């Protein structure tokens, strides 16, 4: 028996939550999901490795984390090289999906899970256990044309339909954040539920500092480092204060801070929430989880899509048209020019009402699939 195993607590459903290792966004948006299952009396286990595991352990030090290898996707330094790199990694991705499915079959016998919540991990489905697939990408964007997008969507649904339910972290109506990604014409065959926009953050006080910047670096290498170099080059000449969060929760080396510039490898959710509230402008990637956090706090932002990620490019352009963000390409990013655009933009944010959909959907799921057994 694995040394991590603990005797099951009577009356507490045991839930496994496992986010994808493709950047930190899948892990950060899992935080409100984990909190909700805990709030509803569940015993939650986590799965992952690397930066995602480090982030989740920092947020939930009392929860058991089971090692689960990720997809370890490699990225090229150029957009054109990225297409080739991804194509070459398709066999590895398929192999990883099969491996994580076998992993779940073994771990479910060992830990006796009552349900599994998989954020974009395609292999974490089970024929005897209710399994939820969380994604905002029902449609997948491609640089190779609409015909490839149709093939990708069909393949995507083949995997998603193995699960019990599909939860989409977006609003169901027109005032959504993911556009065509979360609202395609065709839907999966399994029940589809919109959770509303999810964020681990909430508006607290009014501590915004004029001209203060918060830079949040994230995403796969080498693109994270390439953007960091551009940011540092621009911000070293900035006349006001800035906080730079490097997105490296496992790193030991630290960039020295100054009176004007504060560097952090990582900030826990509460500290990052505070840092975002203090910033007049937030600069970062146009990853979907980052967008949900920025909109939740109604912060003016400058977003830089990761080169070679069509999803981020689409989101940046889609939300820029709605005046929710300013979107700038990485190759042409110059801090002073981007700030000038942002200063001349009239940002239009939606209302700030709290989203109770997640609470209701988790309640419904537990009632239907994990009825309490008081032993």
Protein backbone atom coordinates (compact mmCIF):
# COMPACT_ATOMS: atom_id res chain seq x y z
CA UNK A 1 0.00 0.00 0.00
CA UNK A 2 1.37 3.46 -0.92
CA UNK A 3 2.68 5.38 2.10
CA UNK A 4 0.55 8.38 1.05
CA UNK A 5 -2.65 6.43 1.56
CA UNK A 6 -4.86 7.48 4.44
CA UNK A 7 -7.89 5.75 5.90
CA UNK A 8 -11.02 7.11 4.28
CA UNK A 9 -13.05 9.47 6.46
CA UNK A 10 -16.67 8.37 6.83
CA UNK A 11 -19.12 10.75 5.16
CA UNK A 12 -16.42 12.55 3.17
CA UNK A 13 -16.24 11.90 -0.58
CA UNK A 14 -12.63 11.48 -1.69
CA UNK A 15 -11.95 13.66 -4.76
CA UNK A 16 -8.84 13.67 -6.94
CA UNK A 17 -8.02 16.99 -8.66
CA UNK A 18 -5.35 16.94 -11.37
CA UNK A 19 -4.51 19.95 -13.59
CA UNK A 20 -2.52 19.84 -16.82
CA UNK A 21 1.14 20.92 -16.70
CA UNK A 22 0.86 23.21 -19.77
CA UNK A 23 1.83 26.46 -18.00
CA UNK A 24 0.56 27.38 -14.53
CA UNK A 25 -2.93 28.46 -15.61
CA UNK A 26 -4.56 25.05 -15.28
CA UNK A 27 -3.27 24.79 -11.72
CA UNK A 28 -4.30 28.33 -10.73
CA UNK A 29 -7.84 27.96 -12.02
CA UNK A 30 -8.11 24.66 -10.16
CA UNK A 31 -7.68 26.55 -6.89
CA UNK A 32 -11.31 27.80 -6.63
CA UNK A 33 -12.50 24.31 -7.64
CA UNK A 34 -10.43 22.71 -4.88
CA UNK A 35 -11.64 25.29 -2.38
CA UNK A 36 -15.26 24.56 -3.27
CA UNK A 37 -14.91 20.79 -2.85
CA UNK A 38 -13.21 21.37 0.51
CA UNK A 39 -15.96 23.80 1.53
CA UNK A 40 -18.55 21.12 0.76
CA UNK A 41 -16.88 18.63 3.08
CA UNK A 42 -14.81 16.58 0.64
CA UNK A 43 -11.44 14.98 1.19
CA UNK A 44 -9.33 16.31 -1.69
CA UNK A 45 -6.20 14.73 -3.15
CA UNK A 46 -3.99 16.49 -5.71
CA UNK A 47 -1.87 15.09 -8.53
CA UNK A 48 1.01 16.55 -10.51
CA UNK A 49 4.71 17.33 -10.55
CA UNK A 50 7.02 20.27 -11.14
CA UNK A 51 5.85 23.89 -11.02
CA UNK A 52 2.17 22.95 -10.93
CA UNK A 53 2.67 20.69 -7.92
CA UNK A 54 4.79 23.34 -6.17
CA UNK A 55 2.07 25.96 -6.68
CA UNK A 56 -0.73 23.70 -5.42
CA UNK A 57 1.29 22.57 -2.41
CA UNK A 58 2.00 26.20 -1.52
CA UNK A 59 -1.74 26.95 -1.63
CA UNK A 60 -2.88 23.72 0.07
CA UNK A 61 -0.01 22.51 2.30
CA UNK A 62 -2.32 20.17 4.21
CA UNK A 63 -3.49 18.20 1.17
CA UNK A 64 -1.84 15.03 -0.09
CA UNK A 65 -0.16 15.34 -3.48
CA UNK A 66 0.38 12.21 -5.57
CA UNK A 67 3.16 12.37 -8.18
CA UNK A 68 1.81 12.33 -11.74
CA UNK A 69 4.11 13.08 -14.65
CA UNK A 70 3.00 15.76 -17.07
CA UNK A 71 3.01 16.14 -20.83
CA UNK A 72 6.28 18.11 -20.79
CA UNK A 73 5.55 19.88 -24.06
CA UNK A 74 8.58 21.55 -25.65
CA UNK A 75 8.41 24.90 -27.39
CA UNK A 76 10.48 26.43 -30.16
CA UNK A 77 11.95 29.93 -30.23
CA UNK A 78 10.02 30.88 -33.38
CA UNK A 79 6.37 30.66 -34.44
CA UNK A 80 7.18 28.67 -37.58
CA UNK A 81 9.39 26.29 -35.66
CA UNK A 82 6.62 25.76 -33.12
CA UNK A 83 4.26 24.12 -35.62
CA UNK A 84 6.92 21.54 -36.50
CA UNK A 85 7.84 20.98 -32.85
CA UNK A 86 4.19 20.32 -31.86
CA UNK A 87 3.65 17.93 -34.78
CA UNK A 88 6.69 15.91 -33.77
CA UNK A 89 5.36 15.68 -30.20
CA UNK A 90 1.92 14.29 -31.10
CA UNK A 91 3.01 10.64 -30.58
CA UNK A 92 4.40 11.62 -27.16
CA UNK A 93 1.14 13.37 -26.24
CA UNK A 94 -0.91 10.29 -27.18
CA UNK A 95 1.47 8.07 -25.23
CA UNK A 96 1.14 10.35 -22.19
CA UNK A 97 -2.67 10.19 -22.36
CA UNK A 98 -2.52 6.39 -22.34
CA UNK A 99 0.01 6.40 -19.50
CA UNK A 100 -2.01 8.71 -17.27
CA UNK A 101 -5.13 6.58 -17.90
CA UNK A 102 -3.25 3.51 -16.65
CA UNK A 103 -1.97 5.63 -13.75
CA UNK A 104 -5.54 6.47 -12.73
CA UNK A 105 -6.66 2.85 -12.91
CA UNK A 106 -3.87 1.92 -10.50
CA UNK A 107 -4.26 4.92 -8.16
CA UNK A 108 -8.06 4.57 -7.98
CA UNK A 109 -7.64 1.04 -6.61
CA UNK A 110 -5.03 2.27 -4.17
CA UNK A 111 -6.76 5.41 -2.90
CA UNK A 112 -10.43 4.53 -3.44
CA UNK A 113 -11.41 7.82 -5.08
CA UNK A 114 -15.10 8.69 -5.33
CA UNK A 115 -14.61 11.11 -8.22
CA UNK A 116 -11.93 12.67 -10.41
CA UNK A 117 -11.68 16.29 -11.56
CA UNK A 118 -9.33 16.56 -14.54
CA UNK A 119 -8.35 19.96 -15.87
CA UNK A 120 -7.44 19.15 -19.47
CA UNK A 121 -5.78 15.80 -18.68
CA UNK A 122 -7.38 13.62 -21.32
CA UNK A 123 -6.38 10.27 -19.83
CA UNK A 124 -7.97 10.74 -16.40
CA UNK A 125 -11.27 9.01 -17.09
CA UNK A 126 -12.62 5.84 -15.51
CA UNK A 127 -15.52 3.55 -16.37
CA UNK A 128 -16.47 2.99 -12.70
CA UNK A 129 -15.81 6.45 -11.20
CA UNK A 130 -17.48 9.74 -12.16
CA UNK A 131 -14.87 11.90 -13.88
CA UNK A 132 -15.18 15.57 -14.84
CA UNK A 133 -13.20 17.17 -17.64
CA UNK A 134 -12.61 20.93 -17.21
CA UNK A 135 -11.75 22.93 -20.33
CA UNK A 136 -12.44 26.26 -21.99
CA UNK A 137 -11.25 24.87 -25.32
CA UNK A 138 -14.09 22.92 -26.84
CA UNK A 139 -12.82 24.30 -30.15
CA UNK A 140 -9.07 24.28 -30.76
CA UNK A 141 -7.46 26.95 -32.90
CA UNK A 142 -4.83 25.98 -35.47
CA UNK A 143 -2.44 27.86 -37.74
CA UNK A 144 -2.97 25.24 -40.44
CA UNK A 145 -6.50 26.21 -41.45
CA UNK A 146 -10.15 25.46 -40.63
CA UNK A 147 -9.93 21.88 -41.89
CA UNK A 148 -7.36 21.06 -39.21
CA UNK A 149 -9.55 22.76 -36.58
CA UNK A 150 -12.43 20.46 -37.52
CA UNK A 151 -10.17 17.41 -37.20
CA UNK A 152 -8.82 18.65 -33.85
CA UNK A 153 -12.32 19.27 -32.50
CA UNK A 154 -13.46 15.78 -33.49
CA UNK A 155 -10.41 14.27 -31.79
CA UNK A 156 -10.93 16.53 -28.79
CA UNK A 157 -14.53 15.33 -28.38
CA UNK A 158 -13.46 11.70 -28.74
CA UNK A 159 -11.43 12.09 -25.56
CA UNK A 160 -13.89 14.38 -23.74
CA UNK A 161 -16.77 11.96 -24.33
CA UNK A 162 -14.97 9.36 -22.18
CA UNK A 163 -15.80 11.52 -19.15
CA UNK A 164 -18.99 11.81 -17.11
CA UNK A 165 -19.41 15.58 -17.47
CA UNK A 166 -17.60 18.52 -19.05
CA UNK A 167 -17.32 21.77 -17.07
CA UNK A 168 -16.48 25.00 -18.91
CA UNK A 169 -15.09 27.94 -16.88
CA UNK A 170 -16.96 30.64 -18.79
CA UNK A 171 -20.38 32.23 -18.98
CA UNK A 172 -22.98 30.52 -21.15
CA UNK A 173 -24.31 33.69 -22.80
CA UNK A 174 -22.87 36.38 -25.05
CA UNK A 175 -20.92 38.13 -22.28
CA UNK A 176 -18.29 35.40 -22.27
CA UNK A 177 -14.49 35.54 -22.20
CA UNK A 178 -13.47 32.69 -24.50
CA UNK A 179 -15.65 33.30 -27.55
CA UNK A 180 -15.59 30.51 -30.12
CA UNK A 181 -13.28 28.42 -27.94
CA UNK A 182 -15.96 27.76 -25.31
CA UNK A 183 -19.03 28.27 -27.52
CA UNK A 184 -18.57 26.24 -30.72
CA UNK A 185 -21.54 25.28 -32.87
CA UNK A 186 -21.17 21.57 -32.07
CA UNK A 187 -20.89 20.35 -28.50
CA UNK A 188 -19.63 17.14 -26.82
CA UNK A 189 -22.08 14.27 -26.33
CA UNK A 190 -21.75 14.29 -22.52
CA UNK A 191 -23.51 16.82 -20.22
CA UNK A 192 -21.94 20.28 -20.62
CA UNK A 193 -22.06 22.78 -17.74
CA UNK A 194 -20.82 26.38 -17.74
CA UNK A 195 -19.25 27.34 -14.43
CA UNK A 196 -19.03 31.05 -15.13
CA UNK A 197 -15.65 32.79 -15.00
CA UNK A 198 -13.43 31.33 -12.27
CA UNK A 199 -10.80 33.22 -10.33
CA UNK A 200 -8.91 32.58 -7.12
CA UNK A 201 -8.88 36.37 -6.53
CA UNK A 202 -11.38 38.95 -5.25
CA UNK A 203 -11.48 42.73 -5.09
CA UNK A 204 -10.12 43.84 -1.72
CA UNK A 205 -9.86 47.51 -0.80
CA UNK A 206 -8.63 50.24 -3.12
CA UNK A 207 -4.83 50.16 -2.90
CA UNK A 208 -4.04 51.01 -6.53
CA UNK A 209 -0.84 53.03 -6.98
CA UNK A 210 -0.58 55.46 -9.88
CA UNK A 211 1.79 54.19 -12.65
CA UNK A 212 2.67 51.06 -10.65
CA UNK A 213 3.13 47.96 -12.85
CA UNK A 214 2.70 44.30 -12.06
CA UNK A 215 4.38 41.92 -14.48
CA UNK A 216 3.34 38.27 -14.29
CA UNK A 217 5.56 35.96 -16.32
CA UNK A 218 4.34 32.47 -17.13
CA UNK A 219 4.21 29.78 -19.76
CA UNK A 220 6.63 27.28 -21.25
CA UNK A 221 10.29 27.79 -22.00
CA UNK A 222 12.04 29.25 -23.89
CA UNK A 223 9.24 31.78 -24.42
CA UNK A 224 8.95 32.67 -20.71
CA UNK A 225 12.62 33.63 -20.57
CA UNK A 226 12.46 35.48 -23.90
CA UNK A 227 9.63 37.66 -22.61
CA UNK A 228 11.40 38.16 -19.27
CA UNK A 229 14.44 39.53 -21.08
CA UNK A 230 12.27 42.00 -23.03
CA UNK A 231 10.47 43.08 -19.85
CA UNK A 232 13.66 43.60 -17.85
CA UNK A 233 15.23 45.56 -20.69
CA UNK A 234 12.22 47.91 -20.83
CA UNK A 235 11.48 48.16 -17.14
CA UNK A 236 15.07 49.03 -16.20
CA UNK A 237 14.38 52.45 -17.74
CA UNK A 238 10.92 52.84 -16.21
CA UNK A 239 10.57 55.93 -14.01
CA UNK A 240 8.02 54.44 -11.61
CA UNK A 241 7.66 51.35 -9.43
CA UNK A 242 7.04 47.81 -10.62
CA UNK A 243 6.66 44.27 -9.26
CA UNK A 244 7.82 41.35 -11.41
CA UNK A 245 6.60 37.83 -10.62
CA UNK A 246 8.75 35.43 -12.63
CA UNK A 247 6.47 32.37 -12.58
CA UNK A 248 9.20 30.08 -11.24
CA UNK A 249 7.87 28.55 -7.99
CA UNK A 250 10.66 25.95 -7.89
CA UNK A 251 13.58 28.28 -8.69
CA UNK A 252 16.31 28.92 -6.11
CA UNK A 253 18.14 31.76 -7.90
CA UNK A 254 16.70 35.23 -7.27
CA UNK A 255 17.01 38.48 -9.23
CA UNK A 256 17.94 41.17 -6.68
CA UNK A 257 15.24 43.75 -5.99
CA UNK A 258 15.76 47.49 -5.82
CA UNK A 259 13.80 50.30 -4.21
CA UNK A 260 11.84 50.75 -7.44
CA UNK A 261 11.72 47.19 -8.81
CA UNK A 262 10.67 44.17 -6.74
CA UNK A 263 11.37 40.68 -8.12
CA UNK A 264 9.72 37.47 -6.91
CA UNK A 265 10.04 33.97 -8.29
CA UNK A 266 6.49 33.23 -7.13
CA UNK A 267 3.79 34.75 -4.95
CA UNK A 268 1.09 32.79 -3.10
CA UNK A 269 -2.47 33.58 -4.15
CA UNK A 270 -3.18 36.03 -1.30
CA UNK A 271 0.01 38.01 -1.93
CA UNK A 272 -0.53 38.02 -5.71
CA UNK A 273 -4.11 39.19 -5.17
CA UNK A 274 -2.74 42.12 -3.16
CA UNK A 275 -0.07 42.84 -5.78
CA UNK A 276 -2.69 42.95 -8.53
CA UNK A 277 -4.87 45.33 -6.53
CA UNK A 278 -1.88 47.68 -6.11
CA UNK A 279 -1.06 47.81 -9.83
CA UNK A 280 -2.48 50.34 -12.23
CA UNK A 281 -1.51 48.05 -15.12
CA UNK A 282 -0.97 44.29 -15.20
CA UNK A 283 1.34 42.93 -17.90
CA UNK A 284 1.37 39.21 -18.74
CA UNK A 285 0.36 36.43 -21.09
CA UNK A 286 -3.10 36.12 -22.61
CA UNK A 287 -3.58 32.73 -21.03
CA UNK A 288 -7.21 32.09 -20.15
CA UNK A 289 -6.70 31.73 -16.40
CA UNK A 290 -4.76 35.00 -16.29
CA UNK A 291 -7.58 36.69 -18.20
CA UNK A 292 -10.19 35.43 -15.71
CA UNK A 293 -8.10 36.80 -12.82
CA UNK A 294 -7.59 40.18 -14.50
CA UNK A 295 -11.28 40.58 -15.35
CA UNK A 296 -12.35 39.49 -11.86
CA UNK A 297 -10.27 42.33 -10.39
CA UNK A 298 -11.18 44.72 -13.24
CA UNK A 299 -7.53 45.61 -13.83
CA UNK A 300 -6.20 47.44 -16.87
CA UNK A 301 -3.90 45.02 -18.64
CA UNK A 302 -1.40 44.63 -21.45
CA UNK A 303 -1.41 41.03 -22.65
CA UNK A 304 1.27 39.38 -24.76
CA UNK A 305 0.25 36.06 -26.39
CA UNK A 306 2.83 33.27 -26.28
CA UNK A 307 4.19 33.01 -29.85
CA UNK A 308 2.99 29.81 -31.51
CA UNK A 309 -0.06 29.42 -29.25
CA UNK A 310 -3.10 30.16 -31.50
CA UNK A 311 -5.43 29.98 -28.48
CA UNK A 312 -3.67 32.88 -26.73
CA UNK A 313 -3.47 34.85 -29.96
CA UNK A 314 -7.21 34.40 -30.50
CA UNK A 315 -8.10 35.34 -26.90
CA UNK A 316 -5.93 38.45 -26.98
CA UNK A 317 -7.50 39.74 -30.20
CA UNK A 318 -11.05 38.71 -29.20
CA UNK A 319 -10.89 40.54 -25.85
CA UNK A 320 -9.05 43.54 -27.28
CA UNK A 321 -12.00 44.07 -29.64
CA UNK A 322 -14.25 44.14 -26.58
CA UNK A 323 -11.94 46.69 -24.90
CA UNK A 324 -11.29 44.33 -22.00
CA UNK A 325 -7.52 44.20 -22.62
CA UNK A 326 -4.73 45.67 -24.72
CA UNK A 327 -3.00 42.99 -26.80
CA UNK A 328 0.58 43.36 -28.09
CA UNK A 329 2.67 40.77 -29.96
CA UNK A 330 5.87 39.65 -28.24
CA UNK A 331 8.16 40.37 -31.20
CA UNK A 332 7.05 43.98 -31.35
CA UNK A 333 6.74 44.56 -27.61
CA UNK A 334 8.28 47.79 -26.35
CA UNK A 335 7.20 48.74 -22.84
CA UNK A 336 6.86 52.50 -23.37
CA UNK A 337 4.83 52.03 -26.57
CA UNK A 338 2.56 49.42 -24.99
CA UNK A 339 1.89 51.69 -22.00
CA UNK A 340 1.02 54.57 -24.30
CA UNK A 341 -1.58 52.39 -26.05
CA UNK A 342 -2.98 51.28 -22.68
CA UNK A 343 -3.19 54.85 -21.39
CA UNK A 344 -5.25 55.80 -24.44
CA UNK A 345 -7.59 52.80 -24.16
CA UNK A 346 -11.00 53.04 -22.52
CA UNK A 347 -11.26 49.69 -20.78
CA UNK A 348 -14.79 48.26 -20.53
CA UNK A 349 -15.29 45.71 -17.76
CA UNK A 350 -18.37 43.59 -17.00
CA UNK A 351 -20.08 43.66 -13.60
CA UNK A 352 -18.39 42.22 -10.52
CA UNK A 353 -21.15 40.01 -9.10
CA UNK A 354 -19.93 36.87 -7.34
CA UNK A 355 -20.34 33.67 -9.31
CA UNK A 356 -22.35 31.02 -7.45
CA UNK A 357 -22.51 28.62 -10.39
CA UNK A 358 -19.47 26.65 -9.25
CA UNK A 359 -21.02 26.09 -5.81
CA UNK A 360 -24.31 24.92 -7.32
CA UNK A 361 -22.68 22.62 -9.87
CA UNK A 362 -20.41 21.00 -7.27
CA UNK A 363 -23.41 20.50 -4.97
CA UNK A 364 -25.38 18.89 -7.78
CA UNK A 365 -22.44 16.69 -8.78
CA UNK A 366 -21.86 15.44 -5.23
CA UNK A 367 -25.57 14.77 -4.72
CA UNK A 368 -25.81 12.79 -7.95
CA UNK A 369 -22.52 10.90 -7.98
CA UNK A 370 -21.08 10.94 -4.43
CA UNK A 371 -23.94 10.52 -1.95
CA UNK A 372 -22.65 10.59 1.61
CA UNK A 373 -22.07 7.21 3.23
CA UNK A 374 -21.98 7.61 6.98
CA UNK A 375 -20.62 4.15 7.32
